Amino acid sequence: MAANQKAIKTQITALRDSVSGVSTDEELTKMMQFQYGWQASARMITVVDEMLDVIINRMGV
């Protein structure tokens, strides 16, 4: 009886941990999404910077 209860407790603990644990695949996917977002933002800022440079410095020539 005690061995059965111990086995059940171990199984329940493992099930709880599998549900509440952190998925490294999911975290990596989220990190990559944020990275691509930051890269897109940086490209946009670069484009705006180049456009303003052309408008301010090169249009008056």
Protein backbone atom coordinates (compact mmCIF):
# COMPACT_ATOMS: atom_id res chain seq x y z
CA MET A 1 0.00 0.00 0.00
CA ALA A 2 2.78 2.45 0.92
CA ALA A 3 4.67 1.61 -2.29
CA ASN A 4 1.53 2.32 -4.33
CA GLN A 5 1.01 5.67 -2.61
CA LYS A 6 4.64 6.60 -3.20
CA ALA A 7 4.34 5.68 -6.90
CA ILE A 8 1.14 7.72 -7.22
CA LYS A 9 2.76 10.69 -5.49
CA THR A 10 5.77 10.49 -7.83
CA GLN A 11 3.51 10.31 -10.89
CA ILE A 12 1.36 13.25 -9.75
CA THR A 13 4.46 15.33 -9.02
CA ALA A 14 5.88 14.55 -12.47
CA LEU A 15 2.58 15.50 -14.13
CA ARG A 16 2.42 18.78 -12.19
CA ASP A 17 6.00 19.64 -13.10
CA SER A 18 5.41 18.87 -16.78
CA VAL A 19 2.47 21.29 -16.86
CA SER A 20 4.05 24.09 -14.84
CA GLY A 21 7.59 23.74 -16.16
CA VAL A 22 9.21 26.07 -18.66
CA SER A 23 9.39 24.86 -22.24
CA THR A 24 12.77 25.78 -23.67
CA ASP A 25 11.44 25.44 -27.23
CA GLU A 26 8.65 27.90 -26.50
CA GLU A 27 11.02 30.34 -24.84
CA LEU A 28 13.46 30.13 -27.77
CA THR A 29 10.62 30.80 -30.21
CA LYS A 30 9.54 33.88 -28.26
CA MET A 31 13.12 35.13 -28.03
CA MET A 32 13.56 34.79 -31.80
CA GLN A 33 10.31 36.69 -32.41
CA PHE A 34 11.51 39.56 -30.23
CA GLN A 35 14.89 39.53 -31.96
CA TYR A 36 13.26 39.85 -35.39
CA GLY A 37 11.08 42.65 -34.05
CA TRP A 38 14.12 44.55 -32.80
CA GLN A 39 15.90 44.05 -36.13
CA ALA A 40 12.90 45.39 -38.03
CA SER A 41 12.74 48.41 -35.73
CA ALA A 42 16.44 49.09 -36.21
CA ARG A 43 16.06 48.92 -40.00
CA MET A 44 13.14 51.35 -39.85
CA ILE A 45 15.14 53.82 -37.75
CA THR A 46 18.04 53.55 -40.21
CA VAL A 47 15.73 54.27 -43.16
CA VAL A 48 14.21 57.31 -41.44
CA ASP A 49 17.69 58.56 -40.51
CA GLU A 50 18.86 58.26 -44.12
CA MET A 51 15.72 59.99 -45.42
CA LEU A 52 16.18 62.89 -43.02
CA ASP A 53 19.86 63.14 -43.99
CA VAL A 54 18.89 63.43 -47.65
CA ILE A 55 16.14 65.96 -46.96
CA ILE A 56 18.18 68.16 -44.63
CA ASN A 57 21.67 67.98 -46.08
CA ARG A 58 21.31 67.21 -49.76
CA MET A 59 18.13 68.92 -50.92
CA GLY A 60 19.49 72.41 -50.43
CA VAL A 61 22.43 71.90 -52.76
